[in-house]
Amino acid sequence: MTTAIATDAGAVRVPAHHTVTKRLGHWTTAREFEVRSHHGFAVLDLRSPRIPDGEIRIDVDLDRAVLKLLVADDAVIDDWDLHRVGRGKVKDGQGPGTPGGRRIVLTGRMRRAEVRVHRGGVAILSAMFSRAYLDDLRRAHREGGFPTVDDPTRSA
């Protein structure tokens, strides 16, 4: 897993140009992100308890790309300030079960792109089908513990 790049404003930059970029498990403690992708695919896991309480802001610039967000069951997605050009959409099949969870604000621009929101078991499966999960399983087996990529709320 590659390290995240922090900007001067404190936001974490996640580039995914013509590639697949996954940030899973306990990868950050920031609450502000910049995702830039052109013909790419980015996955951000925002379920970690190490991310401080409060609003999470994600500024996106997506061009024919996909951003997958792995969030908690009660997270609220606010896409009011997200500008869509073409056939862009935010897919959140389940939606929050109860309002009042962590608020995730999406801003920026999408051009023929989409944001997919995965919660609960779907988020766990999305994390499990990754190389990072296999590496985490090997680490947990070697050190004697539990993997945390699939469920960051579980202690190692």
C-alpha atoms as a PDB file:
ATOM      1  CA  MET A   1       0.000   0.000   0.000  1.00  0.00           C
ATOM      2  CA  THR A   2       1.394   3.386  -0.949  1.00  0.00           C
ATOM      3  CA  THR A   3       1.531   6.284   1.444  1.00  0.00           C
ATOM      4  CA  ALA A   4      -0.793   9.246   1.214  1.00  0.00           C
ATOM      5  CA  ILE A   5       0.434  12.694   0.208  1.00  0.00           C
ATOM      6  CA  ALA A   6      -0.591  15.634   2.407  1.00  0.00           C
ATOM      7  CA  THR A   7      -1.044  19.083   0.869  1.00  0.00           C
ATOM      8  CA  ASP A   8      -0.246  22.442   2.441  1.00  0.00           C
ATOM      9  CA  ALA A   9      -3.928  22.861   3.335  1.00  0.00           C
ATOM     10  CA  GLY A  10      -3.841  19.565   5.245  1.00  0.00           C
ATOM     11  CA  ALA A  11      -5.840  17.595   2.682  1.00  0.00           C
ATOM     12  CA  VAL A  12      -4.612  14.171   1.615  1.00  0.00           C
ATOM     13  CA  ARG A  13      -4.144  13.818  -2.143  1.00  0.00           C
ATOM     14  CA  VAL A  14      -5.179  10.559  -3.786  1.00  0.00           C
ATOM     15  CA  PRO A  15      -4.233  10.389  -7.488  1.00  0.00           C
ATOM     16  CA  ALA A  16      -5.621   7.575  -9.646  1.00  0.00           C
ATOM     17  CA  HIS A  17      -4.867   8.388 -13.280  1.00  0.00           C
ATOM     18  CA  HIS A  18      -5.246   5.350 -15.584  1.00  0.00           C
ATOM     19  CA  THR A  19      -4.778   3.031 -12.594  1.00  0.00           C
ATOM     20  CA  VAL A  20      -6.459   1.459  -9.584  1.00  0.00           C
ATOM     21  CA  THR A  21      -5.642   3.076  -6.246  1.00  0.00           C
ATOM     22  CA  LYS A  22      -6.878   1.575  -2.987  1.00  0.00           C
ATOM     23  CA  ARG A  23      -6.512   3.049   0.487  1.00  0.00           C
ATOM     24  CA  LEU A  24      -7.823   0.445   2.931  1.00  0.00           C
ATOM     25  CA  GLY A  25      -7.813  -0.113   6.676  1.00  0.00           C
ATOM     26  CA  HIS A  26      -5.992   2.336   8.948  1.00  0.00           C
ATOM     27  CA  TRP A  27      -4.335   4.368   6.208  1.00  0.00           C
ATOM     28  CA  THR A  28      -4.924   7.922   7.457  1.00  0.00           C
ATOM     29  CA  THR A  29      -6.045  10.146  10.319  1.00  0.00           C
ATOM     30  CA  ALA A  30      -7.056  13.064   8.073  1.00  0.00           C
ATOM     31  CA  ARG A  31     -10.581  14.353   7.464  1.00  0.00           C
ATOM     32  CA  GLU A  32      -9.929  16.224   4.201  1.00  0.00           C
ATOM     33  CA  PHE A  33      -9.116  14.538   0.895  1.00  0.00           C
ATOM     34  CA  GLU A  34      -8.485  15.490  -2.729  1.00  0.00           C
ATOM     35  CA  VAL A  35      -9.191  12.729  -5.240  1.00  0.00           C
ATOM     36  CA  ARG A  36      -8.087  13.259  -8.846  1.00  0.00           C
ATOM     37  CA  SER A  37      -8.710  10.549 -11.406  1.00  0.00           C
ATOM     38  CA  HIS A  38      -8.779  10.370 -15.191  1.00  0.00           C
ATOM     39  CA  HIS A  39      -9.893   6.958 -16.515  1.00  0.00           C
ATOM     40  CA  GLY A  40      -9.023   5.435 -13.136  1.00  0.00           C
ATOM     41  CA  PHE A  41     -10.521   3.759 -10.106  1.00  0.00           C
ATOM     42  CA  ALA A  42     -10.004   4.862  -6.495  1.00  0.00           C
ATOM     43  CA  VAL A  43     -11.166   3.214  -3.269  1.00  0.00           C
ATOM     44  CA  LEU A  44     -11.171   5.126   0.035  1.00  0.00           C
ATOM     45  CA  ASP A  45     -11.890   3.342   3.303  1.00  0.00           C
ATOM     46  CA  LEU A  46     -13.389   5.883   5.719  1.00  0.00           C
ATOM     47  CA  ARG A  47     -14.460   3.412   8.437  1.00  0.00           C
ATOM     48  CA  SER A  48     -11.351   3.673  10.620  1.00  0.00           C
ATOM     49  CA  PRO A  49     -11.869   4.814  14.229  1.00  0.00           C
ATOM     50  CA  ARG A  50      -8.491   6.597  13.948  1.00  0.00           C
ATOM     51  CA  ILE A  51     -10.137   9.279  11.778  1.00  0.00           C
ATOM     52  CA  PRO A  52     -11.198  11.995  14.263  1.00  0.00           C
ATOM     53  CA  ASP A  53     -14.877  12.734  14.808  1.00  0.00           C
ATOM     54  CA  GLY A  54     -16.442  15.421  12.663  1.00  0.00           C
ATOM     55  CA  GLU A  55     -17.234  16.091   9.054  1.00  0.00           C
ATOM     56  CA  ILE A  56     -15.162  14.457   6.314  1.00  0.00           C
ATOM     57  CA  ARG A  57     -14.653  16.557   3.166  1.00  0.00           C
ATOM     58  CA  ILE A  58     -13.719  15.010  -0.180  1.00  0.00           C
ATOM     59  CA  ASP A  59     -12.906  17.295  -3.115  1.00  0.00           C
ATOM     60  CA  VAL A  60     -13.096  15.270  -6.325  1.00  0.00           C
ATOM     61  CA  ASP A  61     -12.058  15.834  -9.924  1.00  0.00           C
ATOM     62  CA  LEU A  62     -13.190  12.704 -11.752  1.00  0.00           C
ATOM     63  CA  ASP A  63     -13.134  12.269 -15.536  1.00  0.00           C
ATOM     64  CA  ARG A  64     -14.535   8.914 -16.718  1.00  0.00           C
ATOM     65  CA  ALA A  65     -13.501   7.447 -13.394  1.00  0.00           C
ATOM     66  CA  VAL A  66     -14.981   5.671 -10.392  1.00  0.00           C
ATOM     67  CA  LEU A  67     -14.569   6.559  -6.730  1.00  0.00           C
ATOM     68  CA  LYS A  68     -15.681   3.882  -4.255  1.00  0.00           C
ATOM     69  CA  LEU A  69     -16.227   4.973  -0.655  1.00  0.00           C
ATOM     70  CA  LEU A  70     -16.319   2.378   2.130  1.00  0.00           C
ATOM     71  CA  VAL A  71     -18.271   4.016   4.959  1.00  0.00           C
ATOM     72  CA  ALA A  72     -19.995   3.107   8.221  1.00  0.00           C
ATOM     73  CA  ASP A  73     -23.645   2.081   8.167  1.00  0.00           C
ATOM     74  CA  ASP A  74     -24.880   5.374   9.625  1.00  0.00           C
ATOM     75  CA  ALA A  75     -22.745   7.748   7.511  1.00  0.00           C
ATOM     76  CA  VAL A  76     -24.604  10.512   5.661  1.00  0.00           C
ATOM     77  CA  ILE A  77     -23.391  11.430   2.163  1.00  0.00           C
ATOM     78  CA  ASP A  78     -23.879  15.103   1.217  1.00  0.00           C
ATOM     79  CA  ASP A  79     -23.339  15.639  -2.526  1.00  0.00           C
ATOM     80  CA  TRP A  80     -25.150  18.986  -2.861  1.00  0.00           C
ATOM     81  CA  ASP A  81     -21.995  20.872  -3.983  1.00  0.00           C
ATOM     82  CA  LEU A  82     -20.848  18.147  -6.392  1.00  0.00           C
ATOM     83  CA  HIS A  83     -21.047  19.366  -9.990  1.00  0.00           C
ATOM     84  CA  ARG A  84     -21.936  16.670 -12.521  1.00  0.00           C
ATOM     85  CA  VAL A  85     -21.260  16.888 -16.256  1.00  0.00           C
ATOM     86  CA  GLY A  86     -22.687  14.167 -18.461  1.00  0.00           C
ATOM     87  CA  ARG A  87     -23.867  10.902 -16.988  1.00  0.00           C
ATOM     88  CA  GLY A  88     -22.322  11.213 -13.555  1.00  0.00           C
ATOM     89  CA  LYS A  89     -24.068   9.917 -10.454  1.00  0.00           C
ATOM     90  CA  VAL A  90     -23.648   9.050  -6.808  1.00  0.00           C
ATOM     91  CA  LYS A  91     -24.801   5.471  -6.144  1.00  0.00           C
ATOM     92  CA  ASP A  92     -25.785   4.856  -2.547  1.00  0.00           C
ATOM     93  CA  GLY A  93     -28.085   1.851  -2.608  1.00  0.00           C
ATOM     94  CA  GLN A  94     -28.610   1.466   1.117  1.00  0.00           C
ATOM     95  CA  GLY A  95     -28.413   5.044   2.338  1.00  0.00           C
ATOM     96  CA  PRO A  96     -27.994   5.722   6.054  1.00  0.00           C
ATOM     97  CA  GLY A  97     -30.131   3.587   8.324  1.00  0.00           C
ATOM     98  CA  THR A  98     -30.386   6.357  10.878  1.00  0.00           C
ATOM     99  CA  PRO A  99     -29.656  10.035  10.317  1.00  0.00           C
ATOM    100  CA  GLY A 100     -27.104  11.602  12.593  1.00  0.00           C
ATOM    101  CA  GLY A 101     -24.072   9.527  11.698  1.00  0.00           C
ATOM    102  CA  ARG A 102     -20.796  10.896  10.380  1.00  0.00           C
ATOM    103  CA  ARG A 103     -21.302  13.412   7.562  1.00  0.00           C
ATOM    104  CA  ILE A 104     -19.239  12.992   4.382  1.00  0.00           C
ATOM    105  CA  VAL A 105     -19.332  16.024   2.091  1.00  0.00           C
ATOM    106  CA  LEU A 106     -18.495  15.582  -1.596  1.00  0.00           C
ATOM    107  CA  THR A 107     -17.468  18.672  -3.566  1.00  0.00           C
ATOM    108  CA  GLY A 108     -15.791  19.262  -6.893  1.00  0.00           C
ATOM    109  CA  ARG A 109     -16.552  18.043 -10.383  1.00  0.00           C
ATOM    110  CA  MET A 110     -17.450  14.754 -12.065  1.00  0.00           C
ATOM    111  CA  ARG A 111     -17.393  14.284 -15.837  1.00  0.00           C
ATOM    112  CA  ARG A 112     -19.017  11.030 -16.958  1.00  0.00           C
ATOM    113  CA  ALA A 113     -17.954   9.448 -13.677  1.00  0.00           C
ATOM    114  CA  GLU A 114     -19.551   7.932 -10.628  1.00  0.00           C
ATOM    115  CA  VAL A 115     -19.177   7.651  -6.887  1.00  0.00           C
ATOM    116  CA  ARG A 116     -20.195   4.313  -5.359  1.00  0.00           C
ATOM    117  CA  VAL A 117     -20.948   4.144  -1.636  1.00  0.00           C
ATOM    118  CA  HIS A 118     -20.571   0.755   0.064  1.00  0.00           C
ATOM    119  CA  ARG A 119     -21.751   0.143   3.620  1.00  0.00           C
ATOM    120  CA  GLY A 120     -21.837  -2.789   6.033  1.00  0.00           C
ATOM    121  CA  GLY A 121     -21.241  -6.230   4.560  1.00  0.00           C
ATOM    122  CA  VAL A 122     -20.740  -4.902   1.036  1.00  0.00           C
ATOM    123  CA  ALA A 123     -17.932  -2.655   2.331  1.00  0.00           C
ATOM    124  CA  ILE A 124     -16.357  -5.619   4.119  1.00  0.00           C
ATOM    125  CA  LEU A 125     -16.470  -7.732   0.949  1.00  0.00           C
ATOM    126  CA  SER A 126     -15.009  -4.873  -1.105  1.00  0.00           C
ATOM    127  CA  ALA A 127     -12.064  -4.682   1.278  1.00  0.00           C
ATOM    128  CA  MET A 128     -11.629  -8.453   1.419  1.00  0.00           C
ATOM    129  CA  PHE A 129     -11.200  -8.777  -2.357  1.00  0.00           C
ATOM    130  CA  SER A 130      -7.896  -6.922  -2.363  1.00  0.00           C
ATOM    131  CA  ARG A 131      -4.208  -7.652  -2.129  1.00  0.00           C
ATOM    132  CA  ALA A 132      -3.995  -5.487   0.998  1.00  0.00           C
ATOM    133  CA  TYR A 133      -6.360  -7.880   2.780  1.00  0.00           C
ATOM    134  CA  LEU A 134      -4.209 -10.895   1.875  1.00  0.00           C
ATOM    135  CA  ASP A 135      -1.128  -9.084   3.176  1.00  0.00           C
ATOM    136  CA  ASP A 136      -3.033  -8.208   6.362  1.00  0.00           C
ATOM    137  CA  LEU A 137      -4.096 -11.849   6.807  1.00  0.00           C
ATOM    138  CA  ARG A 138      -0.476 -12.980   6.502  1.00  0.00           C
ATOM    139  CA  ARG A 139       0.623 -10.349   9.023  1.00  0.00           C
ATOM    140  CA  ALA A 140      -2.121 -11.356  11.469  1.00  0.00           C
ATOM    141  CA  HIS A 141      -1.211 -15.034  11.141  1.00  0.00           C
ATOM    142  CA  ARG A 142       2.498 -14.344  11.600  1.00  0.00           C
ATOM    143  CA  GLU A 143       2.059 -12.014  14.604  1.00  0.00           C
ATOM    144  CA  GLY A 144      -0.947 -13.756  16.124  1.00  0.00           C
ATOM    145  CA  GLY A 145      -3.941 -11.471  15.922  1.00  0.00           C
ATOM    146  CA  PHE A 146      -6.783 -10.490  13.672  1.00  0.00           C
ATOM    147  CA  PRO A 147      -6.848  -8.772  10.281  1.00  0.00           C
ATOM    148  CA  THR A 148      -8.128  -5.188  10.296  1.00  0.00           C
ATOM    149  CA  VAL A 149      -8.394  -4.301   6.600  1.00  0.00           C
ATOM    150  CA  ASP A 150     -11.841  -5.862   6.257  1.00  0.00           C
ATOM    151  CA  ASP A 151     -13.147  -4.238   9.466  1.00  0.00           C
ATOM    152  CA  PRO A 152     -10.988  -1.335  10.760  1.00  0.00           C
ATOM    153  CA  THR A 153     -13.116  -1.057  13.919  1.00  0.00           C
ATOM    154  CA  ARG A 154     -11.693  -4.423  15.058  1.00  0.00           C
ATOM    155  CA  SER A 155      -8.544  -4.108  17.131  1.00  0.00           C
ATOM    156  CA  ALA A 156      -5.469  -5.944  15.882  1.00  0.00           C
END
